[in-house]
Amino acid sequence: MNALKRRHAVLKMTKGMRYGLSTKEKQAKEAIRHAGTHAFEGRKDKKNDYRRLWQVQISSLVKEQGLSYSKFMGALKKNDILINRKMLAELAQDAPETFLKIVEKVK
């Protein structure tokens, strides 16, 4: 009985996949293993994607003030302003006047 439950569980996970991946147990197990690997990599890639997005958002407002992104981030560190990129990007979008005050402080 347990073997049958396990088989059904494996095939349930691969429901909707093409060809034999959704109907043949051996191929289904392989598909699950590969899908798990890709899912793991995707979770790691997502963090990099967001960091790049925040850098672009910060950079666009900083360039208007005559600074480059790298000079701005370096100036933040020198002035001991500990705001992460996510918060800076949110400030740049939602409260540009506050973001500009930070830029003026580090100039």
C-alpha atoms as a PDB file:
ATOM      1  CA  MET A   1       0.000   0.000   0.000  1.00  0.00           C
ATOM      2  CA  ASN A   2       2.807   2.439   0.838  1.00  0.00           C
ATOM      3  CA  ALA A   3       4.496   1.860  -2.524  1.00  0.00           C
ATOM      4  CA  LEU A   4       1.276   2.725  -4.315  1.00  0.00           C
ATOM      5  CA  LYS A   5       0.874   5.923  -2.273  1.00  0.00           C
ATOM      6  CA  ARG A   6       4.454   6.884  -3.051  1.00  0.00           C
ATOM      7  CA  ARG A   7       3.921   6.303  -6.780  1.00  0.00           C
ATOM      8  CA  HIS A   8       0.759   8.375  -6.767  1.00  0.00           C
ATOM      9  CA  ALA A   9       2.540  11.162  -4.885  1.00  0.00           C
ATOM     10  CA  VAL A  10       5.399  11.196  -7.403  1.00  0.00           C
ATOM     11  CA  LEU A  11       3.024  11.276 -10.368  1.00  0.00           C
ATOM     12  CA  LYS A  12       0.935  13.962  -8.695  1.00  0.00           C
ATOM     13  CA  MET A  13       4.039  16.198  -8.457  1.00  0.00           C
ATOM     14  CA  THR A  14       4.677  15.851 -12.176  1.00  0.00           C
ATOM     15  CA  LYS A  15       1.088  16.446 -13.251  1.00  0.00           C
ATOM     16  CA  GLY A  16       1.017  18.679 -16.298  1.00  0.00           C
ATOM     17  CA  MET A  17       4.518  17.821 -17.500  1.00  0.00           C
ATOM     18  CA  ARG A  18       4.896  16.664 -21.070  1.00  0.00           C
ATOM     19  CA  TYR A  19       5.542  13.254 -22.572  1.00  0.00           C
ATOM     20  CA  GLY A  20       6.345  10.410 -20.182  1.00  0.00           C
ATOM     21  CA  LEU A  21       7.340  12.693 -17.329  1.00  0.00           C
ATOM     22  CA  SER A  22       3.805  12.748 -15.986  1.00  0.00           C
ATOM     23  CA  THR A  23       2.931   9.092 -16.540  1.00  0.00           C
ATOM     24  CA  LYS A  24       6.075   6.992 -16.067  1.00  0.00           C
ATOM     25  CA  GLU A  25       7.377   6.662 -12.560  1.00  0.00           C
ATOM     26  CA  LYS A  26      11.087   6.485 -13.376  1.00  0.00           C
ATOM     27  CA  GLN A  27      10.979   9.542 -15.635  1.00  0.00           C
ATOM     28  CA  ALA A  28       8.792  11.359 -13.136  1.00  0.00           C
ATOM     29  CA  LYS A  29      11.331  10.853 -10.335  1.00  0.00           C
ATOM     30  CA  GLU A  30      14.090  12.198 -12.583  1.00  0.00           C
ATOM     31  CA  ALA A  31      11.939  15.185 -13.520  1.00  0.00           C
ATOM     32  CA  ILE A  32      11.284  15.970  -9.853  1.00  0.00           C
ATOM     33  CA  ARG A  33      15.013  15.831  -9.099  1.00  0.00           C
ATOM     34  CA  HIS A  34      15.808  18.224 -11.961  1.00  0.00           C
ATOM     35  CA  ALA A  35      12.942  20.542 -11.063  1.00  0.00           C
ATOM     36  CA  GLY A  36      14.225  20.748  -7.497  1.00  0.00           C
ATOM     37  CA  THR A  37      17.683  21.699  -8.729  1.00  0.00           C
ATOM     38  CA  HIS A  38      16.296  24.430 -10.967  1.00  0.00           C
ATOM     39  CA  ALA A  39      14.050  25.712  -8.194  1.00  0.00           C
ATOM     40  CA  PHE A  40      17.047  25.991  -5.851  1.00  0.00           C
ATOM     41  CA  GLU A  41      19.031  27.913  -8.457  1.00  0.00           C
ATOM     42  CA  GLY A  42      16.021  30.133  -9.141  1.00  0.00           C
ATOM     43  CA  ARG A  43      15.735  31.137  -5.492  1.00  0.00           C
ATOM     44  CA  LYS A  44      19.396  32.180  -5.519  1.00  0.00           C
ATOM     45  CA  ASP A  45      19.045  34.021  -8.860  1.00  0.00           C
ATOM     46  CA  LYS A  46      16.047  35.953  -7.567  1.00  0.00           C
ATOM     47  CA  LYS A  47      18.210  37.640  -4.935  1.00  0.00           C
ATOM     48  CA  ASN A  48      20.677  38.782  -7.592  1.00  0.00           C
ATOM     49  CA  ASP A  49      17.861  40.015  -9.833  1.00  0.00           C
ATOM     50  CA  TYR A  50      16.424  42.195  -7.088  1.00  0.00           C
ATOM     51  CA  ARG A  51      19.837  43.596  -6.192  1.00  0.00           C
ATOM     52  CA  ARG A  52      20.381  44.603  -9.835  1.00  0.00           C
ATOM     53  CA  LEU A  53      16.928  46.191  -9.948  1.00  0.00           C
ATOM     54  CA  TRP A  54      17.634  48.233  -6.811  1.00  0.00           C
ATOM     55  CA  GLN A  55      20.984  49.365  -8.230  1.00  0.00           C
ATOM     56  CA  VAL A  56      19.310  50.647 -11.391  1.00  0.00           C
ATOM     57  CA  GLN A  57      16.601  52.465  -9.420  1.00  0.00           C
ATOM     58  CA  ILE A  58      19.144  54.139  -7.136  1.00  0.00           C
ATOM     59  CA  SER A  59      21.491  54.947  -9.995  1.00  0.00           C
ATOM     60  CA  SER A  60      18.822  56.728 -12.037  1.00  0.00           C
ATOM     61  CA  LEU A  61      18.098  59.288  -9.288  1.00  0.00           C
ATOM     62  CA  VAL A  62      21.717  59.677  -8.250  1.00  0.00           C
ATOM     63  CA  LYS A  63      22.802  60.464 -11.835  1.00  0.00           C
ATOM     64  CA  GLU A  64      20.336  63.357 -11.887  1.00  0.00           C
ATOM     65  CA  GLN A  65      22.261  64.801  -8.940  1.00  0.00           C
ATOM     66  CA  GLY A  66      25.604  64.506 -10.739  1.00  0.00           C
ATOM     67  CA  LEU A  67      26.972  61.451  -8.929  1.00  0.00           C
ATOM     68  CA  SER A  68      27.668  57.945 -10.136  1.00  0.00           C
ATOM     69  CA  TYR A  69      26.201  54.963  -8.326  1.00  0.00           C
ATOM     70  CA  SER A  70      29.585  53.716  -7.116  1.00  0.00           C
ATOM     71  CA  LYS A  71      30.656  57.159  -5.804  1.00  0.00           C
ATOM     72  CA  PHE A  72      27.325  57.488  -4.004  1.00  0.00           C
ATOM     73  CA  MET A  73      27.600  54.078  -2.337  1.00  0.00           C
ATOM     74  CA  GLY A  74      31.208  54.809  -1.361  1.00  0.00           C
ATOM     75  CA  ALA A  75      30.184  58.149   0.139  1.00  0.00           C
ATOM     76  CA  LEU A  76      27.408  56.468   2.127  1.00  0.00           C
ATOM     77  CA  LYS A  77      29.934  54.080   3.657  1.00  0.00           C
ATOM     78  CA  LYS A  78      32.394  56.890   4.456  1.00  0.00           C
ATOM     79  CA  ASN A  79      29.658  58.863   6.219  1.00  0.00           C
ATOM     80  CA  ASP A  80      28.507  55.781   8.167  1.00  0.00           C
ATOM     81  CA  ILE A  81      25.010  55.869   6.712  1.00  0.00           C
ATOM     82  CA  LEU A  82      23.786  52.297   7.040  1.00  0.00           C
ATOM     83  CA  ILE A  83      20.833  52.050   4.673  1.00  0.00           C
ATOM     84  CA  ASN A  84      20.665  48.982   2.473  1.00  0.00           C
ATOM     85  CA  ARG A  85      19.991  49.058  -1.265  1.00  0.00           C
ATOM     86  CA  LYS A  86      16.418  47.832  -0.879  1.00  0.00           C
ATOM     87  CA  MET A  87      15.507  50.729   1.429  1.00  0.00           C
ATOM     88  CA  LEU A  88      17.323  53.252  -0.779  1.00  0.00           C
ATOM     89  CA  ALA A  89      15.424  52.016  -3.836  1.00  0.00           C
ATOM     90  CA  GLU A  90      12.105  52.287  -1.975  1.00  0.00           C
ATOM     91  CA  LEU A  91      12.981  55.821  -0.865  1.00  0.00           C
ATOM     92  CA  ALA A  92      13.939  56.719  -4.433  1.00  0.00           C
ATOM     93  CA  GLN A  93      10.526  55.565  -5.681  1.00  0.00           C
ATOM     94  CA  ASP A  94       8.167  56.478  -2.846  1.00  0.00           C
ATOM     95  CA  ALA A  95       9.850  59.462  -1.165  1.00  0.00           C
ATOM     96  CA  PRO A  96      12.257  61.137  -3.612  1.00  0.00           C
ATOM     97  CA  GLU A  97      12.591  64.259  -1.432  1.00  0.00           C
ATOM     98  CA  THR A  98      13.934  62.153   1.445  1.00  0.00           C
ATOM     99  CA  PHE A  99      16.279  60.352  -0.935  1.00  0.00           C
ATOM    100  CA  LEU A 100      17.566  63.696  -2.237  1.00  0.00           C
ATOM    101  CA  LYS A 101      18.292  64.805   1.344  1.00  0.00           C
ATOM    102  CA  ILE A 102      20.478  61.708   1.772  1.00  0.00           C
ATOM    103  CA  VAL A 103      22.249  62.483  -1.513  1.00  0.00           C
ATOM    104  CA  GLU A 104      22.906  66.074  -0.423  1.00  0.00           C
ATOM    105  CA  LYS A 105      24.269  64.882   2.894  1.00  0.00           C
ATOM    106  CA  VAL A 106      26.875  62.633   1.285  1.00  0.00           C
ATOM    107  CA  LYS A 107      27.932  65.054  -1.477  1.00  0.00           C
END
